[in-house]
Amino acid sequence: MRYTGASLAYQSASTFGAGFTPAIAAGLLVLGGGSRTLLGSVWILAFVAAAAAILLTKEGRTRDLAKIQ
């Protein structure tokens, strides 16, 4: 059952993430008047958010997994 739930979550995320991306990109192009500047700005914002999440996450390599409940 655990693998079914993980697979369902993965497939749902890929459907919503990849499925709506072309529509969102087209909408951003329309809002930007055909210019790709707005679309590029969204990609840069996503990159900055991902980089911040990576930098703010604590290192877990040395944690003792037996102590996690």
C-alpha atoms as a PDB file:
ATOM      1  CA  MET A   1       0.000   0.000   0.000  1.00  0.00           C
ATOM      2  CA  ARG A   2       2.887   2.355   0.713  1.00  0.00           C
ATOM      3  CA  TYR A   3       4.182   2.108  -2.858  1.00  0.00           C
ATOM      4  CA  THR A   4       0.714   2.685  -4.276  1.00  0.00           C
ATOM      5  CA  GLY A   5       0.373   5.917  -2.301  1.00  0.00           C
ATOM      6  CA  ALA A   6       3.813   7.116  -3.319  1.00  0.00           C
ATOM      7  CA  SER A   7       3.116   6.325  -6.953  1.00  0.00           C
ATOM      8  CA  LEU A   8      -0.258   8.050  -6.821  1.00  0.00           C
ATOM      9  CA  ALA A   9       1.314  11.178  -5.341  1.00  0.00           C
ATOM     10  CA  TYR A  10       4.111  11.168  -7.930  1.00  0.00           C
ATOM     11  CA  GLN A  11       1.784  10.655 -10.887  1.00  0.00           C
ATOM     12  CA  SER A  12      -0.665  13.307  -9.641  1.00  0.00           C
ATOM     13  CA  ALA A  13       2.124  15.830  -9.172  1.00  0.00           C
ATOM     14  CA  SER A  14       3.498  15.183 -12.635  1.00  0.00           C
ATOM     15  CA  THR A  15       0.025  15.469 -14.157  1.00  0.00           C
ATOM     16  CA  PHE A  16      -0.737  18.789 -12.514  1.00  0.00           C
ATOM     17  CA  GLY A  17       2.791  20.159 -12.796  1.00  0.00           C
ATOM     18  CA  ALA A  18       3.532  19.188 -16.365  1.00  0.00           C
ATOM     19  CA  GLY A  19      -0.052  19.222 -17.574  1.00  0.00           C
ATOM     20  CA  PHE A  20      -0.781  22.858 -16.836  1.00  0.00           C
ATOM     21  CA  THR A  21       2.678  24.235 -17.644  1.00  0.00           C
ATOM     22  CA  PRO A  22       1.992  24.895 -21.357  1.00  0.00           C
ATOM     23  CA  ALA A  23      -1.260  26.710 -20.536  1.00  0.00           C
ATOM     24  CA  ILE A  24       0.459  28.815 -17.882  1.00  0.00           C
ATOM     25  CA  ALA A  25       3.321  29.619 -20.270  1.00  0.00           C
ATOM     26  CA  ALA A  26       0.867  30.625 -22.998  1.00  0.00           C
ATOM     27  CA  GLY A  27      -1.010  32.834 -20.538  1.00  0.00           C
ATOM     28  CA  LEU A  28       2.207  34.536 -19.472  1.00  0.00           C
ATOM     29  CA  LEU A  29       3.110  35.163 -23.107  1.00  0.00           C
ATOM     30  CA  VAL A  30      -0.310  36.729 -23.698  1.00  0.00           C
ATOM     31  CA  LEU A  31       0.011  38.877 -20.560  1.00  0.00           C
ATOM     32  CA  GLY A  32       3.467  39.977 -21.674  1.00  0.00           C
ATOM     33  CA  GLY A  33       2.254  40.963 -25.125  1.00  0.00           C
ATOM     34  CA  GLY A  34       4.254  38.212 -26.818  1.00  0.00           C
ATOM     35  CA  SER A  35       7.463  39.069 -25.010  1.00  0.00           C
ATOM     36  CA  ARG A  36       9.235  36.222 -23.230  1.00  0.00           C
ATOM     37  CA  THR A  37      10.462  38.510 -20.450  1.00  0.00           C
ATOM     38  CA  LEU A  38       7.597  37.661 -18.085  1.00  0.00           C
ATOM     39  CA  LEU A  39       8.041  33.949 -18.746  1.00  0.00           C
ATOM     40  CA  GLY A  40      11.768  34.199 -18.056  1.00  0.00           C
ATOM     41  CA  SER A  41      11.100  36.149 -14.873  1.00  0.00           C
ATOM     42  CA  VAL A  42       8.891  33.359 -13.571  1.00  0.00           C
ATOM     43  CA  TRP A  43      11.662  30.819 -14.265  1.00  0.00           C
ATOM     44  CA  ILE A  44      14.188  32.999 -12.441  1.00  0.00           C
ATOM     45  CA  LEU A  45      11.808  33.348  -9.489  1.00  0.00           C
ATOM     46  CA  ALA A  46      11.358  29.558  -9.373  1.00  0.00           C
ATOM     47  CA  PHE A  47      15.137  29.099  -9.456  1.00  0.00           C
ATOM     48  CA  VAL A  48      15.661  31.582  -6.621  1.00  0.00           C
ATOM     49  CA  ALA A  49      12.961  29.869  -4.522  1.00  0.00           C
ATOM     50  CA  ALA A  50      14.537  26.445  -5.120  1.00  0.00           C
ATOM     51  CA  ALA A  51      18.019  27.740  -4.305  1.00  0.00           C
ATOM     52  CA  ALA A  52      16.744  29.351  -1.096  1.00  0.00           C
ATOM     53  CA  ALA A  53      15.050  26.102  -0.069  1.00  0.00           C
ATOM     54  CA  ILE A  54      18.271  24.167  -0.651  1.00  0.00           C
ATOM     55  CA  LEU A  55      20.386  26.665   1.277  1.00  0.00           C
ATOM     56  CA  LEU A  56      17.957  26.850   4.220  1.00  0.00           C
ATOM     57  CA  THR A  57      17.570  23.080   4.607  1.00  0.00           C
ATOM     58  CA  LYS A  58      19.594  21.544   7.417  1.00  0.00           C
ATOM     59  CA  GLU A  59      22.152  18.861   6.661  1.00  0.00           C
ATOM     60  CA  GLY A  60      20.807  15.474   7.717  1.00  0.00           C
ATOM     61  CA  ARG A  61      23.743  13.227   6.901  1.00  0.00           C
ATOM     62  CA  THR A  62      24.918  12.998  10.524  1.00  0.00           C
ATOM     63  CA  ARG A  63      21.478  12.505  12.107  1.00  0.00           C
ATOM     64  CA  ASP A  64      20.848   9.230  13.899  1.00  0.00           C
ATOM     65  CA  LEU A  65      17.787   7.758  12.210  1.00  0.00           C
ATOM     66  CA  ALA A  66      17.074   5.527  15.220  1.00  0.00           C
ATOM     67  CA  LYS A  67      16.175   8.618  17.276  1.00  0.00           C
ATOM     68  CA  ILE A  68      13.531   9.835  14.818  1.00  0.00           C
ATOM     69  CA  GLN A  69      10.015   8.890  15.894  1.00  0.00           C
END
